[in-house]
Amino acid sequence: MVAGLRQAETGQRGTGTLRPDEVAAKRFSTTSFRQGYDQAGVDALLREVRATLETHRTR
């Protein structure tokens, strides 16, 4: 994801270019017997990443 953001910010295009729709479609599995991740925090980060990619994509 970091590499995809760097490519977007610098205007580079490559085979590993991250697209906003890929970020929007990303889903993480939940856990039942151990502590998972902070869903609200991860969802907020993914929204920010998607918005960043969309901003740089339209330039």
PDB file of N, CA and C in Angstrom:
ATOM      1  N   MET A   1       0.822  -1.179   0.000  1.00  0.00           N
ATOM      2  CA  MET A   1       0.000   0.000   0.000  1.00  0.00           C
ATOM      3  C   MET A   1       0.875   1.256   0.000  1.00  0.00           C
ATOM      4  N   VAL A   2       1.946   1.247   0.768  1.00  0.00           N
ATOM      5  CA  VAL A   2       2.839   2.400   0.820  1.00  0.00           C
ATOM      6  C   VAL A   2       3.426   2.680  -0.561  1.00  0.00           C
ATOM      7  N   ALA A   3       3.870   1.640  -1.237  1.00  0.00           N
ATOM      8  CA  ALA A   3       4.442   1.823  -2.573  1.00  0.00           C
ATOM      9  C   ALA A   3       3.399   2.396  -3.529  1.00  0.00           C
ATOM     10  N   GLY A   4       2.171   1.928  -3.429  1.00  0.00           N
ATOM     11  CA  GLY A   4       1.101   2.446  -4.278  1.00  0.00           C
ATOM     12  C   GLY A   4       0.830   3.915  -4.026  1.00  0.00           C
ATOM     13  N   LEU A   5       0.859   4.318  -2.759  1.00  0.00           N
ATOM     14  CA  LEU A   5       0.664   5.732  -2.433  1.00  0.00           C
ATOM     15  C   LEU A   5       1.822   6.578  -2.955  1.00  0.00           C
ATOM     16  N   ARG A   6       3.034   6.070  -2.811  1.00  0.00           N
ATOM     17  CA  ARG A   6       4.197   6.813  -3.322  1.00  0.00           C
ATOM     18  C   ARG A   6       4.112   6.987  -4.831  1.00  0.00           C
ATOM     19  N   GLN A   7       3.689   5.934  -5.520  1.00  0.00           N
ATOM     20  CA  GLN A   7       3.547   6.034  -6.978  1.00  0.00           C
ATOM     21  C   GLN A   7       2.507   7.087  -7.332  1.00  0.00           C
ATOM     22  N   ALA A   8       1.383   7.079  -6.625  1.00  0.00           N
ATOM     23  CA  ALA A   8       0.322   8.042  -6.913  1.00  0.00           C
ATOM     24  C   ALA A   8       0.786   9.463  -6.654  1.00  0.00           C
ATOM     25  N   GLU A   9       1.479   9.674  -5.547  1.00  0.00           N
ATOM     26  CA  GLU A   9       1.929  11.015  -5.187  1.00  0.00           C
ATOM     27  C   GLU A   9       2.976  11.562  -6.151  1.00  0.00           C
ATOM     28  N   THR A  10       3.777  10.705  -6.735  1.00  0.00           N
ATOM     29  CA  THR A  10       4.828  11.151  -7.647  1.00  0.00           C
ATOM     30  C   THR A  10       4.408  11.067  -9.108  1.00  0.00           C
ATOM     31  N   GLY A  11       3.201  10.573  -9.360  1.00  0.00           N
ATOM     32  CA  GLY A  11       2.699  10.481 -10.726  1.00  0.00           C
ATOM     33  C   GLY A  11       3.236   9.310 -11.505  1.00  0.00           C
ATOM     34  N   GLN A  12       3.891   8.388 -10.832  1.00  0.00           N
ATOM     35  CA  GLN A  12       4.425   7.206 -11.513  1.00  0.00           C
ATOM     36  C   GLN A  12       3.308   6.203 -11.760  1.00  0.00           C
ATOM     37  N   ARG A  13       3.435   5.494 -12.821  1.00  0.00           N
ATOM     38  CA  ARG A  13       2.511   4.406 -13.125  1.00  0.00           C
ATOM     39  C   ARG A  13       3.334   3.140 -13.242  1.00  0.00           C
ATOM     40  N   GLY A  14       2.879   2.094 -12.645  1.00  0.00           N
ATOM     41  CA  GLY A  14       3.602   0.833 -12.711  1.00  0.00           C
ATOM     42  C   GLY A  14       2.639  -0.327 -12.676  1.00  0.00           C
ATOM     43  N   THR A  15       3.168  -1.509 -12.755  1.00  0.00           N
ATOM     44  CA  THR A  15       2.306  -2.691 -12.740  1.00  0.00           C
ATOM     45  C   THR A  15       1.639  -2.880 -11.390  1.00  0.00           C
ATOM     46  N   GLY A  16       2.238  -2.339 -10.328  1.00  0.00           N
ATOM     47  CA  GLY A  16       1.680  -2.490  -8.994  1.00  0.00           C
ATOM     48  C   GLY A  16       0.902  -1.278  -8.531  1.00  0.00           C
ATOM     49  N   THR A  17       0.429  -0.444  -9.455  1.00  0.00           N
ATOM     50  CA  THR A  17      -0.285   0.768  -9.098  1.00  0.00           C
ATOM     51  C   THR A  17      -1.553   0.429  -8.332  1.00  0.00           C
ATOM     52  N   LEU A  18      -1.702   1.043  -7.189  1.00  0.00           N
ATOM     53  CA  LEU A  18      -2.855   0.826  -6.331  1.00  0.00           C
ATOM     54  C   LEU A  18      -3.995   1.712  -6.791  1.00  0.00           C
ATOM     55  N   ARG A  19      -5.182   1.121  -6.936  1.00  0.00           N
ATOM     56  CA  ARG A  19      -6.352   1.870  -7.398  1.00  0.00           C
ATOM     57  C   ARG A  19      -7.313   2.107  -6.235  1.00  0.00           C
ATOM     58  N   PRO A  20      -8.045   3.228  -6.261  1.00  0.00           N
ATOM     59  CA  PRO A  20      -9.001   3.514  -5.186  1.00  0.00           C
ATOM     60  C   PRO A  20     -10.038   2.409  -4.991  1.00  0.00           C
ATOM     61  N   ASP A  21     -10.487   1.793  -6.082  1.00  0.00           N
ATOM     62  CA  ASP A  21     -11.499   0.740  -5.952  1.00  0.00           C
ATOM     63  C   ASP A  21     -10.941  -0.503  -5.251  1.00  0.00           C
ATOM     64  N   GLU A  22      -9.639  -0.743  -5.381  1.00  0.00           N
ATOM     65  CA  GLU A  22      -9.018  -1.874  -4.679  1.00  0.00           C
ATOM     66  C   GLU A  22      -9.005  -1.622  -3.177  1.00  0.00           C
ATOM     67  N   VAL A  23      -8.757  -0.373  -2.798  1.00  0.00           N
ATOM     68  CA  VAL A  23      -8.769  -0.022  -1.378  1.00  0.00           C
ATOM     69  C   VAL A  23     -10.182  -0.151  -0.825  1.00  0.00           C
ATOM     70  N   ALA A  24     -11.167   0.324  -1.585  1.00  0.00           N
ATOM     71  CA  ALA A  24     -12.559   0.269  -1.131  1.00  0.00           C
ATOM     72  C   ALA A  24     -13.040  -1.166  -0.976  1.00  0.00           C
ATOM     73  N   ALA A  25     -12.526  -2.068  -1.793  1.00  0.00           N
ATOM     74  CA  ALA A  25     -12.977  -3.461  -1.766  1.00  0.00           C
ATOM     75  C   ALA A  25     -12.255  -4.304  -0.714  1.00  0.00           C
ATOM     76  N   LYS A  26     -11.202  -3.765  -0.108  1.00  0.00           N
ATOM     77  CA  LYS A  26     -10.406  -4.542   0.841  1.00  0.00           C
ATOM     78  C   LYS A  26     -11.208  -4.876   2.091  1.00  0.00           C
ATOM     79  N   ARG A  27     -11.198  -6.130   2.473  1.00  0.00           N
ATOM     80  CA  ARG A  27     -11.894  -6.596   3.667  1.00  0.00           C
ATOM     81  C   ARG A  27     -10.935  -7.434   4.493  1.00  0.00           C
ATOM     82  N   PHE A  28     -11.041  -7.288   5.795  1.00  0.00           N
ATOM     83  CA  PHE A  28     -10.218  -8.054   6.716  1.00  0.00           C
ATOM     84  C   PHE A  28     -11.131  -8.985   7.501  1.00  0.00           C
ATOM     85  N   SER A  29     -10.640 -10.162   7.800  1.00  0.00           N
ATOM     86  CA  SER A  29     -11.461 -11.115   8.543  1.00  0.00           C
ATOM     87  C   SER A  29     -11.473 -10.765  10.029  1.00  0.00           C
ATOM     88  N   THR A  30     -12.561 -11.097  10.669  1.00  0.00           N
ATOM     89  CA  THR A  30     -12.680 -10.875  12.104  1.00  0.00           C
ATOM     90  C   THR A  30     -12.189 -12.108  12.846  1.00  0.00           C
ATOM     91  N   THR A  31     -11.928 -11.949  14.118  1.00  0.00           N
ATOM     92  CA  THR A  31     -11.451 -13.069  14.924  1.00  0.00           C
ATOM     93  C   THR A  31     -12.451 -13.367  16.027  1.00  0.00           C
ATOM     94  N   SER A  32     -12.450 -14.596  16.474  1.00  0.00           N
ATOM     95  CA  SER A  32     -13.369 -14.988  17.539  1.00  0.00           C
ATOM     96  C   SER A  32     -12.660 -15.246  18.858  1.00  0.00           C
ATOM     97  N   PHE A  33     -11.462 -15.769  18.816  1.00  0.00           N
ATOM     98  CA  PHE A  33     -10.814 -16.234  20.031  1.00  0.00           C
ATOM     99  C   PHE A  33      -9.561 -15.452  20.414  1.00  0.00           C
ATOM    100  N   ARG A  34      -9.275 -14.396  19.685  1.00  0.00           N
ATOM    101  CA  ARG A  34      -8.123 -13.564  20.039  1.00  0.00           C
ATOM    102  C   ARG A  34      -8.446 -12.130  19.649  1.00  0.00           C
ATOM    103  N   GLN A  35      -7.650 -11.225  20.195  1.00  0.00           N
ATOM    104  CA  GLN A  35      -7.888  -9.815  19.914  1.00  0.00           C
ATOM    105  C   GLN A  35      -7.631  -9.524  18.443  1.00  0.00           C
ATOM    106  N   GLY A  36      -8.525  -8.781  17.844  1.00  0.00           N
ATOM    107  CA  GLY A  36      -8.378  -8.403  16.441  1.00  0.00           C
ATOM    108  C   GLY A  36      -7.809  -7.004  16.331  1.00  0.00           C
ATOM    109  N   TYR A  37      -8.164  -6.331  15.276  1.00  0.00           N
ATOM    110  CA  TYR A  37      -7.659  -4.985  15.031  1.00  0.00           C
ATOM    111  C   TYR A  37      -8.749  -3.968  15.342  1.00  0.00           C
ATOM    112  N   ASP A  38      -8.368  -2.725  15.433  1.00  0.00           N
ATOM    113  CA  ASP A  38      -9.311  -1.638  15.671  1.00  0.00           C
ATOM    114  C   ASP A  38     -10.018  -1.334  14.349  1.00  0.00           C
ATOM    115  N   GLN A  39     -11.227  -1.860  14.194  1.00  0.00           N
ATOM    116  CA  GLN A  39     -11.935  -1.733  12.915  1.00  0.00           C
ATOM    117  C   GLN A  39     -12.177  -0.283  12.529  1.00  0.00           C
ATOM    118  N   ALA A  40     -12.579   0.542  13.471  1.00  0.00           N
ATOM    119  CA  ALA A  40     -12.858   1.944  13.150  1.00  0.00           C
ATOM    120  C   ALA A  40     -11.586   2.652  12.679  1.00  0.00           C
ATOM    121  N   GLY A  41     -10.477   2.379  13.329  1.00  0.00           N
ATOM    122  CA  GLY A  41      -9.211   2.995  12.945  1.00  0.00           C
ATOM    123  C   GLY A  41      -8.746   2.564  11.563  1.00  0.00           C
ATOM    124  N   VAL A  42      -8.866   1.269  11.283  1.00  0.00           N
ATOM    125  CA  VAL A  42      -8.457   0.748   9.979  1.00  0.00           C
ATOM    126  C   VAL A  42      -9.381   1.273   8.889  1.00  0.00           C
ATOM    127  N   ASP A  43     -10.680   1.293   9.157  1.00  0.00           N
ATOM    128  CA  ASP A  43     -11.628   1.820   8.171  1.00  0.00           C
ATOM    129  C   ASP A  43     -11.339   3.289   7.866  1.00  0.00           C
ATOM    130  N   ALA A  44     -11.001   4.071   8.899  1.00  0.00           N
ATOM    131  CA  ALA A  44     -10.677   5.485   8.693  1.00  0.00           C
ATOM    132  C   ALA A  44      -9.417   5.632   7.840  1.00  0.00           C
ATOM    133  N   LEU A  45      -8.408   4.806   8.119  1.00  0.00           N
ATOM    134  CA  LEU A  45      -7.178   4.852   7.323  1.00  0.00           C
ATOM    135  C   LEU A  45      -7.456   4.488   5.874  1.00  0.00           C
ATOM    136  N   LEU A  46      -8.246   3.456   5.642  1.00  0.00           N
ATOM    137  CA  LEU A  46      -8.556   3.046   4.274  1.00  0.00           C
ATOM    138  C   LEU A  46      -9.323   4.134   3.529  1.00  0.00           C
ATOM    139  N   ARG A  47     -10.230   4.840   4.217  1.00  0.00           N
ATOM    140  CA  ARG A  47     -10.935   5.966   3.584  1.00  0.00           C
ATOM    141  C   ARG A  47      -9.953   7.067   3.192  1.00  0.00           C
ATOM    142  N   GLU A  48      -8.986   7.331   4.075  1.00  0.00           N
ATOM    143  CA  GLU A  48      -7.987   8.359   3.789  1.00  0.00           C
ATOM    144  C   GLU A  48      -7.094   7.955   2.616  1.00  0.00           C
ATOM    145  N   VAL A  49      -6.696   6.703   2.583  1.00  0.00           N
ATOM    146  CA  VAL A  49      -5.860   6.215   1.477  1.00  0.00           C
ATOM    147  C   VAL A  49      -6.633   6.318   0.165  1.00  0.00           C
ATOM    148  N   ARG A  50      -7.890   5.897   0.185  1.00  0.00           N
ATOM    149  CA  ARG A  50      -8.707   5.960  -1.030  1.00  0.00           C
ATOM    150  C   ARG A  50      -8.853   7.403  -1.514  1.00  0.00           C
ATOM    151  N   ALA A  51      -9.121   8.320  -0.593  1.00  0.00           N
ATOM    152  CA  ALA A  51      -9.268   9.729  -0.968  1.00  0.00           C
ATOM    153  C   ALA A  51      -7.965  10.281  -1.542  1.00  0.00           C
ATOM    154  N   THR A  52      -6.843   9.898  -0.959  1.00  0.00           N
ATOM    155  CA  THR A  52      -5.545  10.347  -1.472  1.00  0.00           C
ATOM    156  C   THR A  52      -5.320   9.838  -2.879  1.00  0.00           C
ATOM    157  N   LEU A  53      -5.604   8.551  -3.102  1.00  0.00           N
ATOM    158  CA  LEU A  53      -5.419   7.976  -4.439  1.00  0.00           C
ATOM    159  C   LEU A  53      -6.332   8.649  -5.459  1.00  0.00           C
ATOM    160  N   GLU A  54      -7.574   8.916  -5.057  1.00  0.00           N
ATOM    161  CA  GLU A  54      -8.507   9.570  -5.986  1.00  0.00           C
ATOM    162  C   GLU A  54      -8.054  10.991  -6.317  1.00  0.00           C
ATOM    163  N   THR A  55      -7.531  11.702  -5.334  1.00  0.00           N
ATOM    164  CA  THR A  55      -7.036  13.064  -5.560  1.00  0.00           C
ATOM    165  C   THR A  55      -5.882  13.065  -6.551  1.00  0.00           C
ATOM    166  N   HIS A  56      -4.927  12.170  -6.357  1.00  0.00           N
ATOM    167  CA  HIS A  56      -3.766  12.128  -7.242  1.00  0.00           C
ATOM    168  C   HIS A  56      -4.109  11.552  -8.610  1.00  0.00           C
ATOM    169  N   ARG A  57      -5.130  10.747  -8.674  1.00  0.00           N
ATOM    170  CA  ARG A  57      -5.514  10.127  -9.951  1.00  0.00           C
ATOM    171  C   ARG A  57      -6.125  11.167 -10.896  1.00  0.00           C
ATOM    172  N   THR A  58      -6.779  12.174 -10.334  1.00  0.00           N
ATOM    173  CA  THR A  58      -7.455  13.170 -11.168  1.00  0.00           C
ATOM    174  C   THR A  58      -6.554  14.319 -11.573  1.00  0.00           C
ATOM    175  N   ARG A  59      -5.316  14.307 -11.135  1.00  0.00           N
ATOM    176  CA  ARG A  59      -4.384  15.390 -11.501  1.00  0.00           C
ATOM    177  C   ARG A  59      -3.823  15.189 -12.881  1.00  0.00           C
TER     178      ARG A  59
END
